[in-house]
Amino acid sequence: MEIPIRKTTPNFIILICLLGLASFAVALYTSVTTWIPPFDWHNMAIAVFSVIGLVGLVGLWRMRRWGLWLITGLTVLIVAVSLADGIFTWYSTILQAMLIVGGFAFYEQMS
C-alpha cells in the first residue's frame, strides 16, 4: 500500500491567487454598488466574470487543473470583451498572465 504524497500549494501560486482574489472581489463590489437599474449589461458582465474568477482561483489555490483552465478561458474572454469595449488595461492582463504562466509551471503537480 502506497502512502499518498500530500500536495502543497507553491508560494507563488498562493501570492498570485491572493492578488487575484482581491482584484476580483473589488471588481465584484464595484459592479454591484454601481448597478444602474433595470439593466446594465456592463456591470452584469463584470459581476458574472468576477464570480467565475473567484471560483477558478479557489480551484487553482487547491491545485486543481479545472481551476487553471477556468482562469485561462476567463482571461481570454475578459481581454476580448475589454478590447471590444475600449477599456483594456495592462495591469489586469499582466496579473492574469502571471497567474496562468505560474499555474502551467506547476501543472504536473495538480490533480
N, C-alpha and C. Protein backbone atom coordinates (compact mmCIF):
# COMPACT_ATOMS: atom_id res chain seq x y z
N MET A 1 0.83 -1.17 0.00
CA MET A 1 0.00 0.00 0.00
C MET A 1 0.88 1.24 0.00
N GLU A 2 0.62 2.10 -0.97
CA GLU A 2 1.40 3.33 -1.08
C GLU A 2 0.80 4.42 -0.21
N ILE A 3 1.67 5.20 0.36
CA ILE A 3 1.24 6.35 1.14
C ILE A 3 1.10 7.52 0.18
N PRO A 4 -0.09 8.16 0.11
CA PRO A 4 -0.26 9.28 -0.82
C PRO A 4 0.60 10.47 -0.42
N ILE A 5 1.17 11.10 -1.42
CA ILE A 5 2.00 12.28 -1.18
C ILE A 5 1.09 13.49 -1.08
N ARG A 6 1.25 14.25 -0.03
CA ARG A 6 0.43 15.45 0.16
C ARG A 6 0.91 16.53 -0.77
N LYS A 7 0.00 17.07 -1.54
CA LYS A 7 0.35 18.13 -2.47
C LYS A 7 0.19 19.48 -1.79
N THR A 8 1.24 20.23 -1.79
CA THR A 8 1.17 21.56 -1.19
C THR A 8 1.14 22.60 -2.30
N THR A 9 0.51 23.69 -2.01
CA THR A 9 0.41 24.77 -2.98
C THR A 9 1.68 25.61 -2.90
N PRO A 10 2.35 25.84 -4.05
CA PRO A 10 3.56 26.66 -4.05
C PRO A 10 3.26 28.10 -3.61
N ASN A 11 4.24 28.73 -3.02
CA ASN A 11 4.08 30.09 -2.51
C ASN A 11 3.73 31.08 -3.62
N PHE A 12 4.29 30.88 -4.82
CA PHE A 12 4.00 31.77 -5.93
C PHE A 12 2.51 31.73 -6.29
N ILE A 13 1.94 30.53 -6.32
CA ILE A 13 0.51 30.37 -6.64
C ILE A 13 -0.33 31.04 -5.54
N ILE A 14 0.06 30.87 -4.29
CA ILE A 14 -0.69 31.48 -3.19
C ILE A 14 -0.66 33.00 -3.31
N LEU A 15 0.51 33.58 -3.58
CA LEU A 15 0.64 35.03 -3.69
C LEU A 15 -0.21 35.58 -4.84
N ILE A 16 -0.09 34.96 -6.01
CA ILE A 16 -0.84 35.44 -7.16
C ILE A 16 -2.34 35.23 -6.96
N CYS A 17 -2.72 34.12 -6.34
CA CYS A 17 -4.15 33.88 -6.05
C CYS A 17 -4.70 34.92 -5.08
N LEU A 18 -3.92 35.31 -4.09
CA LEU A 18 -4.37 36.35 -3.16
C LEU A 18 -4.57 37.68 -3.88
N LEU A 19 -3.64 38.03 -4.76
CA LEU A 19 -3.81 39.26 -5.54
C LEU A 19 -5.03 39.17 -6.44
N GLY A 20 -5.21 38.01 -7.07
CA GLY A 20 -6.37 37.81 -7.94
C GLY A 20 -7.68 37.84 -7.17
N LEU A 21 -7.70 37.21 -6.00
CA LEU A 21 -8.91 37.22 -5.18
C LEU A 21 -9.27 38.65 -4.78
N ALA A 22 -8.27 39.43 -4.41
CA ALA A 22 -8.53 40.83 -4.05
C ALA A 22 -9.05 41.60 -5.26
N SER A 23 -8.46 41.38 -6.42
CA SER A 23 -8.88 42.10 -7.63
C SER A 23 -10.30 41.74 -8.02
N PHE A 24 -10.62 40.45 -8.02
CA PHE A 24 -11.97 40.02 -8.39
C PHE A 24 -12.99 40.48 -7.35
N ALA A 25 -12.61 40.48 -6.08
CA ALA A 25 -13.53 40.94 -5.03
C ALA A 25 -13.83 42.43 -5.19
N VAL A 26 -12.83 43.23 -5.49
CA VAL A 26 -13.04 44.67 -5.71
C VAL A 26 -13.90 44.89 -6.95
N ALA A 27 -13.64 44.13 -8.02
CA ALA A 27 -14.44 44.27 -9.24
C ALA A 27 -15.90 43.88 -8.98
N LEU A 28 -16.12 42.82 -8.22
CA LEU A 28 -17.48 42.40 -7.90
C LEU A 28 -18.19 43.46 -7.05
N TYR A 29 -17.51 43.97 -6.04
CA TYR A 29 -18.10 45.01 -5.18
C TYR A 29 -18.44 46.25 -5.99
N THR A 30 -17.52 46.67 -6.84
CA THR A 30 -17.74 47.88 -7.64
C THR A 30 -18.89 47.69 -8.61
N SER A 31 -18.97 46.52 -9.25
CA SER A 31 -20.04 46.30 -10.22
C SER A 31 -21.41 46.24 -9.56
N VAL A 32 -21.47 45.71 -8.35
CA VAL A 32 -22.76 45.62 -7.65
C VAL A 32 -23.18 46.99 -7.11
N THR A 33 -22.24 47.76 -6.59
CA THR A 33 -22.61 49.05 -5.99
C THR A 33 -22.88 50.13 -7.03
N THR A 34 -22.41 49.97 -8.25
CA THR A 34 -22.66 50.97 -9.30
C THR A 34 -23.70 50.50 -10.30
N TRP A 35 -24.49 49.51 -9.92
CA TRP A 35 -25.51 48.95 -10.80
C TRP A 35 -26.57 50.01 -11.09
N ILE A 36 -26.94 50.16 -12.37
CA ILE A 36 -27.97 51.12 -12.77
C ILE A 36 -29.18 50.32 -13.25
N PRO A 37 -30.26 50.33 -12.47
CA PRO A 37 -31.44 49.54 -12.86
C PRO A 37 -32.08 50.11 -14.12
N PRO A 38 -32.82 49.36 -14.88
CA PRO A 38 -33.16 47.96 -14.68
C PRO A 38 -32.14 47.02 -15.30
N PHE A 39 -31.37 47.50 -16.29
CA PHE A 39 -30.45 46.59 -16.97
C PHE A 39 -29.17 47.33 -17.32
N ASP A 40 -28.09 46.85 -16.78
CA ASP A 40 -26.78 47.43 -17.06
C ASP A 40 -25.87 46.27 -17.44
N TRP A 41 -25.76 45.99 -18.73
CA TRP A 41 -25.07 44.77 -19.17
C TRP A 41 -23.60 44.79 -18.82
N HIS A 42 -22.99 45.95 -18.79
CA HIS A 42 -21.55 46.02 -18.48
C HIS A 42 -21.28 45.58 -17.04
N ASN A 43 -22.02 46.13 -16.09
CA ASN A 43 -21.84 45.74 -14.69
C ASN A 43 -22.28 44.30 -14.44
N MET A 44 -23.30 43.86 -15.16
CA MET A 44 -23.73 42.48 -15.02
C MET A 44 -22.65 41.52 -15.51
N ALA A 45 -22.00 41.85 -16.62
CA ALA A 45 -20.92 41.00 -17.15
C ALA A 45 -19.74 40.98 -16.19
N ILE A 46 -19.40 42.13 -15.62
CA ILE A 46 -18.29 42.19 -14.67
C ILE A 46 -18.60 41.36 -13.44
N ALA A 47 -19.83 41.42 -12.96
CA ALA A 47 -20.21 40.63 -11.78
C ALA A 47 -20.12 39.13 -12.07
N VAL A 48 -20.61 38.71 -13.23
CA VAL A 48 -20.56 37.28 -13.58
C VAL A 48 -19.11 36.83 -13.76
N PHE A 49 -18.31 37.63 -14.47
CA PHE A 49 -16.90 37.28 -14.66
C PHE A 49 -16.16 37.22 -13.32
N SER A 50 -16.50 38.11 -12.40
CA SER A 50 -15.84 38.12 -11.10
C SER A 50 -16.17 36.87 -10.29
N VAL A 51 -17.41 36.46 -10.32
CA VAL A 51 -17.78 35.24 -9.59
C VAL A 51 -17.09 34.02 -10.21
N ILE A 52 -17.07 33.94 -11.54
CA ILE A 52 -16.38 32.83 -12.20
C ILE A 52 -14.89 32.87 -11.86
N GLY A 53 -14.31 34.07 -11.84
CA GLY A 53 -12.89 34.20 -11.49
C GLY A 53 -12.60 33.77 -10.07
N LEU A 54 -13.48 34.12 -9.14
CA LEU A 54 -13.29 33.71 -7.75
C LEU A 54 -13.34 32.19 -7.62
N VAL A 55 -14.28 31.55 -8.32
CA VAL A 55 -14.37 30.09 -8.29
C VAL A 55 -13.12 29.46 -8.90
N GLY A 56 -12.65 30.01 -10.01
CA GLY A 56 -11.44 29.50 -10.65
C GLY A 56 -10.20 29.65 -9.78
N LEU A 57 -10.10 30.77 -9.07
CA LEU A 57 -8.95 30.98 -8.19
C LEU A 57 -8.96 30.04 -6.99
N VAL A 58 -10.15 29.75 -6.48
CA VAL A 58 -10.23 28.78 -5.39
C VAL A 58 -9.78 27.40 -5.89
N GLY A 59 -10.20 27.05 -7.10
CA GLY A 59 -9.75 25.78 -7.69
C GLY A 59 -8.25 25.75 -7.91
N LEU A 60 -7.70 26.86 -8.38
CA LEU A 60 -6.26 26.92 -8.60
C LEU A 60 -5.51 26.86 -7.28
N TRP A 61 -6.01 27.54 -6.27
CA TRP A 61 -5.38 27.51 -4.95
C TRP A 61 -5.34 26.08 -4.41
N ARG A 62 -6.39 25.32 -4.68
CA ARG A 62 -6.45 23.93 -4.23
C ARG A 62 -5.70 22.99 -5.18
N MET A 63 -4.99 23.58 -6.15
CA MET A 63 -4.16 22.85 -7.12
C MET A 63 -5.01 21.89 -7.96
N ARG A 64 -6.08 22.40 -8.52
CA ARG A 64 -6.94 21.65 -9.42
C ARG A 64 -6.75 22.17 -10.84
N ARG A 65 -6.66 21.25 -11.78
CA ARG A 65 -6.45 21.65 -13.17
C ARG A 65 -7.65 22.41 -13.73
N TRP A 66 -8.85 22.06 -13.30
CA TRP A 66 -10.03 22.76 -13.81
C TRP A 66 -9.99 24.24 -13.44
N GLY A 67 -9.39 24.57 -12.28
CA GLY A 67 -9.27 25.97 -11.88
C GLY A 67 -8.36 26.74 -12.82
N LEU A 68 -7.27 26.11 -13.23
CA LEU A 68 -6.35 26.74 -14.16
C LEU A 68 -7.00 26.94 -15.52
N TRP A 69 -7.72 25.93 -15.99
CA TRP A 69 -8.38 26.06 -17.29
C TRP A 69 -9.51 27.09 -17.24
N LEU A 70 -10.20 27.16 -16.13
CA LEU A 70 -11.27 28.15 -15.97
C LEU A 70 -10.69 29.57 -15.99
N ILE A 71 -9.60 29.77 -15.28
CA ILE A 71 -8.95 31.09 -15.27
C ILE A 71 -8.40 31.44 -16.65
N THR A 72 -7.84 30.47 -17.35
CA THR A 72 -7.30 30.71 -18.69
C THR A 72 -8.41 31.13 -19.65
N GLY A 73 -9.51 30.40 -19.65
CA GLY A 73 -10.63 30.75 -20.52
C GLY A 73 -11.25 32.09 -20.16
N LEU A 74 -11.35 32.36 -18.87
CA LEU A 74 -11.90 33.63 -18.42
C LEU A 74 -11.00 34.79 -18.82
N THR A 75 -9.71 34.60 -18.76
CA THR A 75 -8.77 35.65 -19.16
C THR A 75 -8.93 35.99 -20.63
N VAL A 76 -9.05 34.97 -21.47
CA VAL A 76 -9.25 35.21 -22.90
C VAL A 76 -10.55 35.98 -23.12
N LEU A 77 -11.60 35.58 -22.42
CA LEU A 77 -12.90 36.24 -22.55
C LEU A 77 -12.84 37.69 -22.06
N ILE A 78 -12.20 37.91 -20.93
CA ILE A 78 -12.09 39.27 -20.38
C ILE A 78 -11.30 40.18 -21.30
N VAL A 79 -10.19 39.69 -21.86
CA VAL A 79 -9.39 40.50 -22.77
C VAL A 79 -10.20 40.83 -24.03
N ALA A 80 -10.94 39.86 -24.56
CA ALA A 80 -11.74 40.11 -25.76
C ALA A 80 -12.83 41.15 -25.50
N VAL A 81 -13.52 41.03 -24.38
CA VAL A 81 -14.59 41.98 -24.06
C VAL A 81 -14.02 43.37 -23.78
N SER A 82 -12.90 43.43 -23.05
CA SER A 82 -12.33 44.74 -22.73
C SER A 82 -11.76 45.42 -23.96
N LEU A 83 -11.21 44.66 -24.90
CA LEU A 83 -10.75 45.26 -26.15
C LEU A 83 -11.93 45.76 -26.98
N ALA A 84 -13.02 45.00 -27.00
CA ALA A 84 -14.20 45.42 -27.76
C ALA A 84 -14.84 46.68 -27.16
N ASP A 85 -14.80 46.82 -25.84
CA ASP A 85 -15.39 47.98 -25.18
C ASP A 85 -14.43 49.16 -25.07
N GLY A 86 -13.16 48.93 -25.34
CA GLY A 86 -12.18 50.01 -25.24
C GLY A 86 -11.75 50.30 -23.81
N ILE A 87 -11.86 49.31 -22.92
CA ILE A 87 -11.49 49.50 -21.52
C ILE A 87 -10.32 48.61 -21.12
N PHE A 88 -9.52 48.22 -22.08
CA PHE A 88 -8.39 47.32 -21.84
C PHE A 88 -7.35 48.00 -20.96
N THR A 89 -6.87 47.27 -19.93
CA THR A 89 -5.79 47.77 -19.09
C THR A 89 -4.70 46.71 -19.02
N TRP A 90 -3.47 47.15 -19.02
CA TRP A 90 -2.35 46.22 -18.96
C TRP A 90 -2.20 45.59 -17.59
N TYR A 91 -2.59 46.31 -16.53
CA TYR A 91 -2.40 45.79 -15.18
C TYR A 91 -3.13 44.47 -14.98
N SER A 92 -4.40 44.44 -15.31
CA SER A 92 -5.17 43.22 -15.10
C SER A 92 -4.69 42.10 -16.00
N THR A 93 -4.27 42.42 -17.21
CA THR A 93 -3.79 41.40 -18.13
C THR A 93 -2.46 40.82 -17.67
N ILE A 94 -1.57 41.65 -17.17
CA ILE A 94 -0.28 41.16 -16.68
C ILE A 94 -0.47 40.27 -15.46
N LEU A 95 -1.35 40.67 -14.55
CA LEU A 95 -1.62 39.86 -13.37
C LEU A 95 -2.19 38.50 -13.76
N GLN A 96 -3.14 38.49 -14.68
CA GLN A 96 -3.72 37.22 -15.11
C GLN A 96 -2.72 36.38 -15.90
N ALA A 97 -1.86 37.02 -16.68
CA ALA A 97 -0.84 36.27 -17.42
C ALA A 97 0.15 35.62 -16.44
N MET A 98 0.53 36.35 -15.39
CA MET A 98 1.42 35.76 -14.38
C MET A 98 0.75 34.58 -13.71
N LEU A 99 -0.53 34.68 -13.45
CA LEU A 99 -1.28 33.59 -12.83
C LEU A 99 -1.32 32.37 -13.74
N ILE A 100 -1.56 32.58 -15.00
CA ILE A 100 -1.63 31.46 -15.95
C ILE A 100 -0.27 30.82 -16.14
N VAL A 101 0.76 31.62 -16.33
CA VAL A 101 2.11 31.07 -16.52
C VAL A 101 2.56 30.33 -15.26
N GLY A 102 2.30 30.90 -14.10
CA GLY A 102 2.64 30.22 -12.85
C GLY A 102 1.86 28.94 -12.67
N GLY A 103 0.60 28.96 -13.07
CA GLY A 103 -0.21 27.75 -12.96
C GLY A 103 0.29 26.64 -13.86
N PHE A 104 0.62 26.98 -15.10
CA PHE A 104 1.12 25.95 -16.01
C PHE A 104 2.52 25.48 -15.63
N ALA A 105 3.27 26.29 -14.89
CA ALA A 105 4.58 25.85 -14.42
C ALA A 105 4.44 24.70 -13.41
N PHE A 106 3.33 24.70 -12.68
CA PHE A 106 3.08 23.65 -11.68
C PHE A 106 1.96 22.70 -12.12
N TYR A 107 1.73 22.60 -13.42
CA TYR A 107 0.63 21.81 -13.95
C TYR A 107 0.73 20.34 -13.59
N GLU A 108 1.93 19.81 -13.57
CA GLU A 108 2.13 18.39 -13.28
C GLU A 108 1.81 18.05 -11.82
N GLN A 109 1.90 19.03 -10.93
CA GLN A 109 1.60 18.80 -9.52
C GLN A 109 0.11 18.86 -9.22
N MET A 110 -0.66 19.34 -10.19
CA MET A 110 -2.10 19.50 -9.97
C MET A 110 -2.83 18.19 -10.23
N SER A 111 -3.97 18.07 -9.59
CA SER A 111 -4.79 16.87 -9.83
C SER A 111 -6.05 17.22 -10.57
